[in-house]
Amino acid sequence: GFGDAGEGAPPLRSLELRTDLDANSPAAPSEADRFNDLSIASYSAADFRTAHAYGREAVRLAPRSAIYAANCSAAALKAGKPAEAAKLALRATELDPAYAKGHLRAGQAHLEIGSREAVR
């Protein structure tokens, strides 16, 4: 997850996303893993825009992953996109209600956007 040490990722301008794949493609699970790893590495390098872009690609390719949604939520929040972060965190909690990081990310995002009533 985020906070792990990782190698630096390429800057946002050189992203190579897999627009040729969708969630049903045979290569989607391994590519989603790869994009999540790239997102984590970018986040660790404080390149939050790139982390968010890679995280969105991981979520697109593995839409049933609560972990990827929560990771992307963290990156979205750091990239200055709290509303998107809140949506991704909610998605994570819906996919896996027991996944604590999903709830943590939801709380962080809702506090950032000032939606204190949603934070419980």
PDB file of N, CA and C in Angstrom:
ATOM      1  N   GLY A   1       0.835  -1.192   0.000  1.00  0.00           N
ATOM      2  CA  GLY A   1       0.000   0.000   0.000  1.00  0.00           C
ATOM      3  C   GLY A   1       0.863   1.231   0.000  1.00  0.00           C
ATOM      4  N   PHE A   2       0.217   2.372   0.088  1.00  0.00           N
ATOM      5  CA  PHE A   2       0.951   3.618   0.092  1.00  0.00           C
ATOM      6  C   PHE A   2       1.801   3.707   1.331  1.00  0.00           C
ATOM      7  N   GLY A   3       2.952   4.310   1.174  1.00  0.00           N
ATOM      8  CA  GLY A   3       3.900   4.401   2.264  1.00  0.00           C
ATOM      9  C   GLY A   3       5.043   3.411   2.092  1.00  0.00           C
ATOM     10  N   ASP A   4       4.845   2.421   1.199  1.00  0.00           N
ATOM     11  CA  ASP A   4       5.923   1.474   0.920  1.00  0.00           C
ATOM     12  C   ASP A   4       6.997   2.185   0.107  1.00  0.00           C
ATOM     13  N   ALA A   5       8.221   1.762   0.277  1.00  0.00           N
ATOM     14  CA  ALA A   5       9.298   2.311  -0.541  1.00  0.00           C
ATOM     15  C   ALA A   5       9.116   1.822  -1.969  1.00  0.00           C
ATOM     16  N   GLY A   6       9.478   2.625  -2.920  1.00  0.00           N
ATOM     17  CA  GLY A   6       9.342   2.205  -4.310  1.00  0.00           C
ATOM     18  C   GLY A   6      10.279   2.975  -5.193  1.00  0.00           C
ATOM     19  N   GLU A   7      10.517   2.434  -6.351  1.00  0.00           N
ATOM     20  CA  GLU A   7      11.339   3.114  -7.333  1.00  0.00           C
ATOM     21  C   GLU A   7      10.546   4.276  -7.897  1.00  0.00           C
ATOM     22  N   GLY A   8      11.231   5.303  -8.321  1.00  0.00           N
ATOM     23  CA  GLY A   8      10.561   6.453  -8.919  1.00  0.00           C
ATOM     24  C   GLY A   8       9.863   6.067 -10.212  1.00  0.00           C
ATOM     25  N   ALA A   9       8.727   6.672 -10.448  1.00  0.00           N
ATOM     26  CA  ALA A   9       7.955   6.422 -11.665  1.00  0.00           C
ATOM     27  C   ALA A   9       8.221   7.554 -12.654  1.00  0.00           C
ATOM     28  N   PRO A  10       7.950   7.311 -13.923  1.00  0.00           N
ATOM     29  CA  PRO A  10       8.158   8.376 -14.900  1.00  0.00           C
ATOM     30  C   PRO A  10       7.207   9.542 -14.646  1.00  0.00           C
ATOM     31  N   PRO A  11       7.574  10.748 -15.064  1.00  0.00           N
ATOM     32  CA  PRO A  11       6.700  11.891 -14.861  1.00  0.00           C
ATOM     33  C   PRO A  11       5.407  11.749 -15.660  1.00  0.00           C
ATOM     34  N   LEU A  12       4.408  12.504 -15.269  1.00  0.00           N
ATOM     35  CA  LEU A  12       3.077  12.406 -15.861  1.00  0.00           C
ATOM     36  C   LEU A  12       3.109  12.503 -17.382  1.00  0.00           C
ATOM     37  N   ARG A  13       3.933  13.344 -17.920  1.00  0.00           N
ATOM     38  CA  ARG A  13       3.927  13.551 -19.371  1.00  0.00           C
ATOM     39  C   ARG A  13       4.290  12.291 -20.161  1.00  0.00           C
ATOM     40  N   SER A  14       4.942  11.313 -19.535  1.00  0.00           N
ATOM     41  CA  SER A  14       5.360  10.131 -20.274  1.00  0.00           C
ATOM     42  C   SER A  14       4.540   8.880 -19.916  1.00  0.00           C
ATOM     43  N   LEU A  15       3.368   9.072 -19.326  1.00  0.00           N
ATOM     44  CA  LEU A  15       2.530   7.924 -18.991  1.00  0.00           C
ATOM     45  C   LEU A  15       2.145   7.151 -20.246  1.00  0.00           C
ATOM     46  N   GLU A  16       2.153   5.857 -20.118  1.00  0.00           N
ATOM     47  CA  GLU A  16       1.681   5.002 -21.199  1.00  0.00           C
ATOM     48  C   GLU A  16       0.562   4.148 -20.630  1.00  0.00           C
ATOM     49  N   LEU A  17      -0.674   4.600 -20.828  1.00  0.00           N
ATOM     50  CA  LEU A  17      -1.821   3.885 -20.323  1.00  0.00           C
ATOM     51  C   LEU A  17      -2.246   2.818 -21.322  1.00  0.00           C
ATOM     52  N   ARG A  18      -3.003   1.856 -20.855  1.00  0.00           N
ATOM     53  CA  ARG A  18      -3.432   0.736 -21.701  1.00  0.00           C
ATOM     54  C   ARG A  18      -4.866   0.934 -22.174  1.00  0.00           C
ATOM     55  N   THR A  19      -5.051   1.912 -23.042  1.00  0.00           N
ATOM     56  CA  THR A  19      -6.386   2.201 -23.565  1.00  0.00           C
ATOM     57  C   THR A  19      -6.901   1.083 -24.457  1.00  0.00           C
ATOM     58  N   ASP A  20      -6.019   0.167 -24.833  1.00  0.00           N
ATOM     59  CA  ASP A  20      -6.422  -0.974 -25.658  1.00  0.00           C
ATOM     60  C   ASP A  20      -7.079  -2.072 -24.827  1.00  0.00           C
ATOM     61  N   LEU A  21      -7.054  -1.945 -23.499  1.00  0.00           N
ATOM     62  CA  LEU A  21      -7.623  -2.956 -22.611  1.00  0.00           C
ATOM     63  C   LEU A  21      -8.846  -2.416 -21.894  1.00  0.00           C
ATOM     64  N   ASP A  22      -9.718  -3.343 -21.478  1.00  0.00           N
ATOM     65  CA  ASP A  22     -10.785  -2.994 -20.549  1.00  0.00           C
ATOM     66  C   ASP A  22     -10.786  -4.036 -19.444  1.00  0.00           C
ATOM     67  N   ALA A  23     -11.692  -3.905 -18.496  1.00  0.00           N
ATOM     68  CA  ALA A  23     -11.694  -4.779 -17.321  1.00  0.00           C
ATOM     69  C   ALA A  23     -11.893  -6.248 -17.672  1.00  0.00           C
ATOM     70  N   ASN A  24     -12.470  -6.529 -18.833  1.00  0.00           N
ATOM     71  CA  ASN A  24     -12.715  -7.916 -19.244  1.00  0.00           C
ATOM     72  C   ASN A  24     -11.580  -8.516 -20.060  1.00  0.00           C
ATOM     73  N   SER A  25     -10.571  -7.746 -20.354  1.00  0.00           N
ATOM     74  CA  SER A  25      -9.442  -8.249 -21.134  1.00  0.00           C
ATOM     75  C   SER A  25      -8.634  -9.237 -20.304  1.00  0.00           C
ATOM     76  N   PRO A  26      -8.113 -10.295 -20.955  1.00  0.00           N
ATOM     77  CA  PRO A  26      -7.310 -11.268 -20.210  1.00  0.00           C
ATOM     78  C   PRO A  26      -6.103 -10.651 -19.497  1.00  0.00           C
ATOM     79  N   ALA A  27      -5.526  -9.619 -20.069  1.00  0.00           N
ATOM     80  CA  ALA A  27      -4.342  -8.991 -19.473  1.00  0.00           C
ATOM     81  C   ALA A  27      -4.697  -7.965 -18.397  1.00  0.00           C
ATOM     82  N   ALA A  28      -5.972  -7.671 -18.199  1.00  0.00           N
ATOM     83  CA  ALA A  28      -6.374  -6.614 -17.267  1.00  0.00           C
ATOM     84  C   ALA A  28      -5.870  -6.831 -15.841  1.00  0.00           C
ATOM     85  N   PRO A  29      -5.999  -8.022 -15.249  1.00  0.00           N
ATOM     86  CA  PRO A  29      -5.543  -8.165 -13.857  1.00  0.00           C
ATOM     87  C   PRO A  29      -4.048  -7.870 -13.667  1.00  0.00           C
ATOM     88  N   SER A  30      -3.207  -8.388 -14.547  1.00  0.00           N
ATOM     89  CA  SER A  30      -1.775  -8.142 -14.376  1.00  0.00           C
ATOM     90  C   SER A  30      -1.425  -6.684 -14.668  1.00  0.00           C
ATOM     91  N   GLU A  31      -2.101  -6.081 -15.636  1.00  0.00           N
ATOM     92  CA  GLU A  31      -1.850  -4.672 -15.928  1.00  0.00           C
ATOM     93  C   GLU A  31      -2.362  -3.786 -14.793  1.00  0.00           C
ATOM     94  N   ALA A  32      -3.488  -4.142 -14.193  1.00  0.00           N
ATOM     95  CA  ALA A  32      -3.995  -3.390 -13.041  1.00  0.00           C
ATOM     96  C   ALA A  32      -2.992  -3.448 -11.895  1.00  0.00           C
ATOM     97  N   ASP A  33      -2.427  -4.621 -11.649  1.00  0.00           N
ATOM     98  CA  ASP A  33      -1.391  -4.758 -10.616  1.00  0.00           C
ATOM     99  C   ASP A  33      -0.203  -3.854 -10.920  1.00  0.00           C
ATOM    100  N   ARG A  34       0.214  -3.859 -12.171  1.00  0.00           N
ATOM    101  CA  ARG A  34       1.360  -3.047 -12.577  1.00  0.00           C
ATOM    102  C   ARG A  34       1.064  -1.556 -12.382  1.00  0.00           C
ATOM    103  N   PHE A  35      -0.125  -1.118 -12.789  1.00  0.00           N
ATOM    104  CA  PHE A  35      -0.467   0.299 -12.623  1.00  0.00           C
ATOM    105  C   PHE A  35      -0.604   0.664 -11.147  1.00  0.00           C
ATOM    106  N   ASN A  36      -1.119  -0.240 -10.328  1.00  0.00           N
ATOM    107  CA  ASN A  36      -1.188   0.041  -8.895  1.00  0.00           C
ATOM    108  C   ASN A  36       0.224   0.185  -8.326  1.00  0.00           C
ATOM    109  N   ASP A  37       1.136  -0.691  -8.725  1.00  0.00           N
ATOM    110  CA  ASP A  37       2.531  -0.591  -8.266  1.00  0.00           C
ATOM    111  C   ASP A  37       3.156   0.735  -8.705  1.00  0.00           C
ATOM    112  N   LEU A  38       2.902   1.145  -9.951  1.00  0.00           N
ATOM    113  CA  LEU A  38       3.420   2.421 -10.441  1.00  0.00           C
ATOM    114  C   LEU A  38       2.813   3.583  -9.664  1.00  0.00           C
ATOM    115  N   SER A  39       1.542   3.464  -9.328  1.00  0.00           N
ATOM    116  CA  SER A  39       0.877   4.503  -8.540  1.00  0.00           C
ATOM    117  C   SER A  39       1.521   4.625  -7.159  1.00  0.00           C
ATOM    118  N   ILE A  40       1.768   3.498  -6.527  1.00  0.00           N
ATOM    119  CA  ILE A  40       2.397   3.503  -5.206  1.00  0.00           C
ATOM    120  C   ILE A  40       3.796   4.121  -5.279  1.00  0.00           C
ATOM    121  N   ALA A  41       4.562   3.756  -6.295  1.00  0.00           N
ATOM    122  CA  ALA A  41       5.909   4.310  -6.451  1.00  0.00           C
ATOM    123  C   ALA A  41       5.849   5.816  -6.675  1.00  0.00           C
ATOM    124  N   SER A  42       4.903   6.263  -7.478  1.00  0.00           N
ATOM    125  CA  SER A  42       4.761   7.705  -7.736  1.00  0.00           C
ATOM    126  C   SER A  42       4.345   8.446  -6.471  1.00  0.00           C
ATOM    127  N   TYR A  43       3.428   7.848  -5.719  1.00  0.00           N
ATOM    128  CA  TYR A  43       2.982   8.445  -4.459  1.00  0.00           C
ATOM    129  C   TYR A  43       4.157   8.562  -3.489  1.00  0.00           C
ATOM    130  N   SER A  44       4.951   7.512  -3.402  1.00  0.00           N
ATOM    131  CA  SER A  44       6.117   7.514  -2.511  1.00  0.00           C
ATOM    132  C   SER A  44       7.129   8.572  -2.909  1.00  0.00           C
ATOM    133  N   ALA A  45       7.169   8.901  -4.198  1.00  0.00           N
ATOM    134  CA  ALA A  45       8.072   9.933  -4.704  1.00  0.00           C
ATOM    135  C   ALA A  45       7.423  11.324  -4.659  1.00  0.00           C
ATOM    136  N   ALA A  46       6.244  11.417  -4.037  1.00  0.00           N
ATOM    137  CA  ALA A  46       5.491  12.671  -3.912  1.00  0.00           C
ATOM    138  C   ALA A  46       5.068  13.241  -5.261  1.00  0.00           C
ATOM    139  N   ASP A  47       4.911  12.380  -6.258  1.00  0.00           N
ATOM    140  CA  ASP A  47       4.398  12.787  -7.571  1.00  0.00           C
ATOM    141  C   ASP A  47       2.923  12.372  -7.602  1.00  0.00           C
ATOM    142  N   PHE A  48       2.096  13.169  -6.945  1.00  0.00           N
ATOM    143  CA  PHE A  48       0.722  12.775  -6.700  1.00  0.00           C
ATOM    144  C   PHE A  48      -0.155  12.791  -7.950  1.00  0.00           C
ATOM    145  N   ARG A  49       0.115  13.697  -8.886  1.00  0.00           N
ATOM    146  CA  ARG A  49      -0.655  13.701 -10.142  1.00  0.00           C
ATOM    147  C   ARG A  49      -0.423  12.400 -10.908  1.00  0.00           C
ATOM    148  N   THR A  50       0.813  11.972 -10.974  1.00  0.00           N
ATOM    149  CA  THR A  50       1.129  10.735 -11.673  1.00  0.00           C
ATOM    150  C   THR A  50       0.555   9.544 -10.909  1.00  0.00           C
ATOM    151  N   ALA A  51       0.672   9.562  -9.588  1.00  0.00           N
ATOM    152  CA  ALA A  51       0.100   8.486  -8.774  1.00  0.00           C
ATOM    153  C   ALA A  51      -1.396   8.374  -9.019  1.00  0.00           C
ATOM    154  N   HIS A  52      -2.060   9.515  -9.102  1.00  0.00           N
ATOM    155  CA  HIS A  52      -3.496   9.518  -9.350  1.00  0.00           C
ATOM    156  C   HIS A  52      -3.812   8.953 -10.736  1.00  0.00           C
ATOM    157  N   ALA A  53      -3.061   9.361 -11.746  1.00  0.00           N
ATOM    158  CA  ALA A  53      -3.300   8.867 -13.110  1.00  0.00           C
ATOM    159  C   ALA A  53      -3.105   7.350 -13.187  1.00  0.00           C
ATOM    160  N   TYR A  54      -2.026   6.867 -12.598  1.00  0.00           N
ATOM    161  CA  TYR A  54      -1.793   5.421 -12.596  1.00  0.00           C
ATOM    162  C   TYR A  54      -2.861   4.705 -11.768  1.00  0.00           C
ATOM    163  N   GLY A  55      -3.245   5.297 -10.659  1.00  0.00           N
ATOM    164  CA  GLY A  55      -4.288   4.697  -9.832  1.00  0.00           C
ATOM    165  C   GLY A  55      -5.617   4.595 -10.565  1.00  0.00           C
ATOM    166  N   ARG A  56      -5.971   5.624 -11.311  1.00  0.00           N
ATOM    167  CA  ARG A  56      -7.218   5.578 -12.096  1.00  0.00           C
ATOM    168  C   ARG A  56      -7.174   4.445 -13.115  1.00  0.00           C
ATOM    169  N   GLU A  57      -6.009   4.233 -13.698  1.00  0.00           N
ATOM    170  CA  GLU A  57      -5.870   3.146 -14.668  1.00  0.00           C
ATOM    171  C   GLU A  57      -6.016   1.792 -13.969  1.00  0.00           C
ATOM    172  N   ALA A  58      -5.443   1.640 -12.786  1.00  0.00           N
ATOM    173  CA  ALA A  58      -5.597   0.394 -12.029  1.00  0.00           C
ATOM    174  C   ALA A  58      -7.068   0.152 -11.705  1.00  0.00           C
ATOM    175  N   VAL A  59      -7.779   1.176 -11.278  1.00  0.00           N
ATOM    176  CA  VAL A  59      -9.209   1.050 -10.947  1.00  0.00           C
ATOM    177  C   VAL A  59     -10.021   0.728 -12.197  1.00  0.00           C
ATOM    178  N   ARG A  60      -9.676   1.360 -13.307  1.00  0.00           N
ATOM    179  CA  ARG A  60     -10.410   1.101 -14.557  1.00  0.00           C
ATOM    180  C   ARG A  60     -10.261  -0.357 -14.980  1.00  0.00           C
ATOM    181  N   LEU A  61      -9.068  -0.899 -14.809  1.00  0.00           N
ATOM    182  CA  LEU A  61      -8.808  -2.267 -15.232  1.00  0.00           C
ATOM    183  C   LEU A  61      -9.236  -3.311 -14.205  1.00  0.00           C
ATOM    184  N   ALA A  62      -9.400  -2.904 -12.962  1.00  0.00           N
ATOM    185  CA  ALA A  62      -9.842  -3.820 -11.892  1.00  0.00           C
ATOM    186  C   ALA A  62     -10.894  -3.108 -11.038  1.00  0.00           C
ATOM    187  N   PRO A  63     -12.078  -2.885 -11.611  1.00  0.00           N
ATOM    188  CA  PRO A  63     -13.093  -2.084 -10.919  1.00  0.00           C
ATOM    189  C   PRO A  63     -13.660  -2.713  -9.650  1.00  0.00           C
ATOM    190  N   ARG A  64     -13.361  -3.975  -9.382  1.00  0.00           N
ATOM    191  CA  ARG A  64     -13.859  -4.643  -8.180  1.00  0.00           C
ATOM    192  C   ARG A  64     -12.820  -4.691  -7.062  1.00  0.00           C
ATOM    193  N   SER A  65     -11.728  -3.956  -7.223  1.00  0.00           N
ATOM    194  CA  SER A  65     -10.668  -3.955  -6.207  1.00  0.00           C
ATOM    195  C   SER A  65     -10.844  -2.791  -5.238  1.00  0.00           C
ATOM    196  N   ALA A  66     -11.189  -3.109  -4.010  1.00  0.00           N
ATOM    197  CA  ALA A  66     -11.305  -2.087  -2.971  1.00  0.00           C
ATOM    198  C   ALA A  66      -9.938  -1.466  -2.680  1.00  0.00           C
ATOM    199  N   ILE A  67      -8.903  -2.271  -2.740  1.00  0.00           N
ATOM    200  CA  ILE A  67      -7.547  -1.776  -2.461  1.00  0.00           C
ATOM    201  C   ILE A  67      -7.141  -0.728  -3.486  1.00  0.00           C
ATOM    202  N   TYR A  68      -7.356  -1.017  -4.763  1.00  0.00           N
ATOM    203  CA  TYR A  68      -6.976  -0.053  -5.796  1.00  0.00           C
ATOM    204  C   TYR A  68      -7.801   1.220  -5.678  1.00  0.00           C
ATOM    205  N   ALA A  69      -9.087   1.082  -5.372  1.00  0.00           N
ATOM    206  CA  ALA A  69      -9.936   2.266  -5.213  1.00  0.00           C
ATOM    207  C   ALA A  69      -9.460   3.115  -4.039  1.00  0.00           C
ATOM    208  N   ALA A  70      -9.109   2.493  -2.924  1.00  0.00           N
ATOM    209  CA  ALA A  70      -8.626   3.240  -1.759  1.00  0.00           C
ATOM    210  C   ALA A  70      -7.274   3.885  -2.046  1.00  0.00           C
ATOM    211  N   ASN A  71      -6.390   3.170  -2.727  1.00  0.00           N
ATOM    212  CA  ASN A  71      -5.092   3.739  -3.078  1.00  0.00           C
ATOM    213  C   ASN A  71      -5.259   4.944  -4.003  1.00  0.00           C
ATOM    214  N   CYS A  72      -6.135   4.803  -4.993  1.00  0.00           N
ATOM    215  CA  CYS A  72      -6.377   5.902  -5.919  1.00  0.00           C
ATOM    216  C   CYS A  72      -7.013   7.081  -5.180  1.00  0.00           C
ATOM    217  N   SER A  73      -7.850   6.783  -4.206  1.00  0.00           N
ATOM    218  CA  SER A  73      -8.458   7.836  -3.396  1.00  0.00           C
ATOM    219  C   SER A  73      -7.387   8.658  -2.679  1.00  0.00           C
ATOM    220  N   ALA A  74      -6.409   7.977  -2.099  1.00  0.00           N
ATOM    221  CA  ALA A  74      -5.325   8.685  -1.408  1.00  0.00           C
ATOM    222  C   ALA A  74      -4.570   9.583  -2.373  1.00  0.00           C
ATOM    223  N   ALA A  75      -4.290   9.071  -3.563  1.00  0.00           N
ATOM    224  CA  ALA A  75      -3.571   9.860  -4.564  1.00  0.00           C
ATOM    225  C   ALA A  75      -4.420  11.036  -5.040  1.00  0.00           C
ATOM    226  N   ALA A  76      -5.705  10.814  -5.244  1.00  0.00           N
ATOM    227  CA  ALA A  76      -6.596  11.899  -5.681  1.00  0.00           C
ATOM    228  C   ALA A  76      -6.627  13.014  -4.647  1.00  0.00           C
ATOM    229  N   LEU A  77      -6.679  12.637  -3.387  1.00  0.00           N
ATOM    230  CA  LEU A  77      -6.708  13.641  -2.323  1.00  0.00           C
ATOM    231  C   LEU A  77      -5.429  14.477  -2.341  1.00  0.00           C
ATOM    232  N   LYS A  78      -4.292  13.814  -2.448  1.00  0.00           N
ATOM    233  CA  LYS A  78      -3.012  14.531  -2.481  1.00  0.00           C
ATOM    234  C   LYS A  78      -2.844  15.348  -3.764  1.00  0.00           C
ATOM    235  N   ALA A  79      -3.533  14.922  -4.843  1.00  0.00           N
ATOM    236  CA  ALA A  79      -3.463  15.649  -6.114  1.00  0.00           C
ATOM    237  C   ALA A  79      -4.443  16.818  -6.158  1.00  0.00           C
ATOM    238  N   GLY A  80      -5.142  17.052  -5.044  1.00  0.00           N
ATOM    239  CA  GLY A  80      -6.060  18.185  -4.986  1.00  0.00           C
ATOM    240  C   GLY A  80      -7.434  17.906  -5.561  1.00  0.00           C
ATOM    241  N   LYS A  81      -7.848  16.658  -5.558  1.00  0.00           N
ATOM    242  CA  LYS A  81      -9.147  16.262  -6.097  1.00  0.00           C
ATOM    243  C   LYS A  81      -9.975  15.572  -5.006  1.00  0.00           C
ATOM    244  N   PRO A  82     -10.383  16.326  -3.972  1.00  0.00           N
ATOM    245  CA  PRO A  82     -11.065  15.693  -2.845  1.00  0.00           C
ATOM    246  C   PRO A  82     -12.421  15.081  -3.182  1.00  0.00           C
ATOM    247  N   ALA A  83     -13.167  15.654  -4.110  1.00  0.00           N
ATOM    248  CA  ALA A  83     -14.466  15.072  -4.466  1.00  0.00           C
ATOM    249  C   ALA A  83     -14.275  13.706  -5.121  1.00  0.00           C
ATOM    250  N   GLU A  84     -13.293  13.599  -6.011  1.00  0.00           N
ATOM    251  CA  GLU A  84     -13.012  12.304  -6.628  1.00  0.00           C
ATOM    252  C   GLU A  84     -12.491  11.327  -5.579  1.00  0.00           C
ATOM    253  N   ALA A  85     -11.665  11.827  -4.671  1.00  0.00           N
ATOM    254  CA  ALA A  85     -11.149  10.979  -3.596  1.00  0.00           C
ATOM    255  C   ALA A  85     -12.295  10.402  -2.772  1.00  0.00           C
ATOM    256  N   ALA A  86     -13.285  11.225  -2.470  1.00  0.00           N
ATOM    257  CA  ALA A  86     -14.438  10.765  -1.690  1.00  0.00           C
ATOM    258  C   ALA A  86     -15.212   9.682  -2.438  1.00  0.00           C
ATOM    259  N   LYS A  87     -15.419   9.877  -3.740  1.00  0.00           N
ATOM    260  CA  LYS A  87     -16.143   8.876  -4.544  1.00  0.00           C
ATOM    261  C   LYS A  87     -15.392   7.553  -4.589  1.00  0.00           C
ATOM    262  N   LEU A  88     -14.088   7.623  -4.770  1.00  0.00           N
ATOM    263  CA  LEU A  88     -13.276   6.403  -4.813  1.00  0.00           C
ATOM    264  C   LEU A  88     -13.268   5.692  -3.467  1.00  0.00           C
ATOM    265  N   ALA A  89     -13.193   6.460  -2.392  1.00  0.00           N
ATOM    266  CA  ALA A  89     -13.208   5.856  -1.059  1.00  0.00           C
ATOM    267  C   ALA A  89     -14.552   5.194  -0.774  1.00  0.00           C
ATOM    268  N   LEU A  90     -15.633   5.842  -1.177  1.00  0.00           N
ATOM    269  CA  LEU A  90     -16.957   5.249  -1.010  1.00  0.00           C
ATOM    270  C   LEU A  90     -17.040   3.941  -1.794  1.00  0.00           C
ATOM    271  N   ARG A  91     -16.512   3.964  -2.992  1.00  0.00           N
ATOM    272  CA  ARG A  91     -16.480   2.745  -3.810  1.00  0.00           C
ATOM    273  C   ARG A  91     -15.727   1.637  -3.088  1.00  0.00           C
ATOM    274  N   ALA A  92     -14.583   1.976  -2.491  1.00  0.00           N
ATOM    275  CA  ALA A  92     -13.794   0.983  -1.763  1.00  0.00           C
ATOM    276  C   ALA A  92     -14.599   0.389  -0.615  1.00  0.00           C
ATOM    277  N   THR A  93     -15.312   1.241   0.127  1.00  0.00           N
ATOM    278  CA  THR A  93     -16.087   0.739   1.266  1.00  0.00           C
ATOM    279  C   THR A  93     -17.278  -0.092   0.818  1.00  0.00           C
ATOM    280  N   GLU A  94     -17.835   0.231  -0.343  1.00  0.00           N
ATOM    281  CA  GLU A  94     -18.943  -0.572  -0.876  1.00  0.00           C
ATOM    282  C   GLU A  94     -18.446  -1.933  -1.358  1.00  0.00           C
ATOM    283  N   LEU A  95     -17.270  -1.950  -1.972  1.00  0.00           N
ATOM    284  CA  LEU A  95     -16.704  -3.206  -2.468  1.00  0.00           C
ATOM    285  C   LEU A  95     -16.293  -4.128  -1.327  1.00  0.00           C
ATOM    286  N   ASP A  96     -15.753  -3.545  -0.262  1.00  0.00           N
ATOM    287  CA  ASP A  96     -15.298  -4.333   0.882  1.00  0.00           C
ATOM    288  C   ASP A  96     -15.527  -3.542   2.160  1.00  0.00           C
ATOM    289  N   PRO A  97     -16.711  -3.701   2.762  1.00  0.00           N
ATOM    290  CA  PRO A  97     -17.039  -2.933   3.969  1.00  0.00           C
ATOM    291  C   PRO A  97     -16.065  -3.157   5.130  1.00  0.00           C
ATOM    292  N   ALA A  98     -15.327  -4.250   5.129  1.00  0.00           N
ATOM    293  CA  ALA A  98     -14.385  -4.535   6.212  1.00  0.00           C
ATOM    294  C   ALA A  98     -13.002  -3.927   5.969  1.00  0.00           C
ATOM    295  N   TYR A  99     -12.775  -3.353   4.802  1.00  0.00           N
ATOM    296  CA  TYR A  99     -11.457  -2.799   4.470  1.00  0.00           C
ATOM    297  C   TYR A  99     -11.307  -1.427   5.129  1.00  0.00           C
ATOM    298  N   ALA A 100     -10.549  -1.387   6.202  1.00  0.00           N
ATOM    299  CA  ALA A 100     -10.436  -0.182   7.032  1.00  0.00           C
ATOM    300  C   ALA A 100      -9.880   1.018   6.268  1.00  0.00           C
ATOM    301  N   LYS A 101      -8.935   0.791   5.363  1.00  0.00           N
ATOM    302  CA  LYS A 101      -8.350   1.926   4.641  1.00  0.00           C
ATOM    303  C   LYS A 101      -9.383   2.635   3.769  1.00  0.00           C
ATOM    304  N   GLY A 102     -10.370   1.907   3.292  1.00  0.00           N
ATOM    305  CA  GLY A 102     -11.442   2.553   2.532  1.00  0.00           C
ATOM    306  C   GLY A 102     -12.176   3.571   3.394  1.00  0.00           C
ATOM    307  N   HIS A 103     -12.480   3.180   4.624  1.00  0.00           N
ATOM    308  CA  HIS A 103     -13.164   4.083   5.548  1.00  0.00           C
ATOM    309  C   HIS A 103     -12.263   5.254   5.948  1.00  0.00           C
ATOM    310  N   LEU A 104     -10.994   4.982   6.155  1.00  0.00           N
ATOM    311  CA  LEU A 104     -10.038   6.035   6.475  1.00  0.00           C
ATOM    312  C   LEU A 104      -9.984   7.060   5.349  1.00  0.00           C
ATOM    313  N   ARG A 105      -9.846   6.569   4.116  1.00  0.00           N
ATOM    314  CA  ARG A 105      -9.771   7.480   2.966  1.00  0.00           C
ATOM    315  C   ARG A 105     -11.054   8.291   2.829  1.00  0.00           C
ATOM    316  N   ALA A 106     -12.206   7.662   3.083  1.00  0.00           N
ATOM    317  CA  ALA A 106     -13.485   8.380   3.000  1.00  0.00           C
ATOM    318  C   ALA A 106     -13.514   9.513   4.022  1.00  0.00           C
ATOM    319  N   GLY A 107     -13.077   9.221   5.232  1.00  0.00           N
ATOM    320  CA  GLY A 107     -13.044  10.252   6.253  1.00  0.00           C
ATOM    321  C   GLY A 107     -12.123  11.396   5.895  1.00  0.00           C
ATOM    322  N   GLN A 108     -10.946  11.071   5.401  1.00  0.00           N
ATOM    323  CA  GLN A 108      -9.988  12.103   5.008  1.00  0.00           C
ATOM    324  C   GLN A 108     -10.556  12.984   3.897  1.00  0.00           C
ATOM    325  N   ALA A 109     -11.155  12.349   2.889  1.00  0.00           N
ATOM    326  CA  ALA A 109     -11.691  13.100   1.749  1.00  0.00           C
ATOM    327  C   ALA A 109     -12.862  13.978   2.173  1.00  0.00           C
ATOM    328  N   HIS A 110     -13.754  13.426   2.966  1.00  0.00           N
ATOM    329  CA  HIS A 110     -14.906  14.218   3.384  1.00  0.00           C
ATOM    330  C   HIS A 110     -14.498  15.380   4.294  1.00  0.00           C
ATOM    331  N   LEU A 111     -13.497  15.187   5.117  1.00  0.00           N
ATOM    332  CA  LEU A 111     -13.003  16.306   5.915  1.00  0.00           C
ATOM    333  C   LEU A 111     -12.413  17.389   5.024  1.00  0.00           C
ATOM    334  N   GLU A 112     -11.698  16.973   3.998  1.00  0.00           N
ATOM    335  CA  GLU A 112     -11.088  17.933   3.073  1.00  0.00           C
ATOM    336  C   GLU A 112     -12.141  18.773   2.343  1.00  0.00           C
ATOM    337  N   ILE A 113     -13.236  18.156   1.962  1.00  0.00           N
ATOM    338  CA  ILE A 113     -14.271  18.897   1.230  1.00  0.00           C
ATOM    339  C   ILE A 113     -15.285  19.544   2.163  1.00  0.00           C
ATOM    340  N   GLY A 114     -15.137  19.323   3.457  1.00  0.00           N
ATOM    341  CA  GLY A 114     -16.002  19.972   4.426  1.00  0.00           C
ATOM    342  C   GLY A 114     -17.321  19.274   4.652  1.00  0.00           C
ATOM    343  N   SER A 115     -17.395  18.015   4.283  1.00  0.00           N
ATOM    344  CA  SER A 115     -18.625  17.249   4.432  1.00  0.00           C
ATOM    345  C   SER A 115     -18.557  16.445   5.733  1.00  0.00           C
ATOM    346  N   ARG A 116     -18.541  17.146   6.835  1.00  0.00           N
ATOM    347  CA  ARG A 116     -18.356  16.501   8.130  1.00  0.00           C
ATOM    348  C   ARG A 116     -19.480  15.536   8.488  1.00  0.00           C
ATOM    349  N   GLU A 117     -20.695  15.795   8.017  1.00  0.00           N
ATOM    350  CA  GLU A 117     -21.809  14.897   8.339  1.00  0.00           C
ATOM    351  C   GLU A 117     -21.587  13.510   7.752  1.00  0.00           C
ATOM    352  N   ALA A 118     -20.883  13.436   6.625  1.00  0.00           N
ATOM    353  CA  ALA A 118     -20.637  12.144   5.984  1.00  0.00           C
ATOM    354  C   ALA A 118     -19.557  11.340   6.708  1.00  0.00           C
ATOM    355  N   VAL A 119     -18.785  12.005   7.556  1.00  0.00           N
ATOM    356  CA  VAL A 119     -17.698  11.348   8.260  1.00  0.00           C
ATOM    357  C   VAL A 119     -18.227  10.816   9.577  1.00  0.00           C
ATOM    358  N   ARG A 120     -18.296   9.510   9.687  1.00  0.00           N
ATOM    359  CA  ARG A 120     -18.787   8.877  10.918  1.00  0.00           C
ATOM    360  C   ARG A 120     -17.860   7.747  11.297  1.00  0.00           C
TER     361      ARG A 120
END
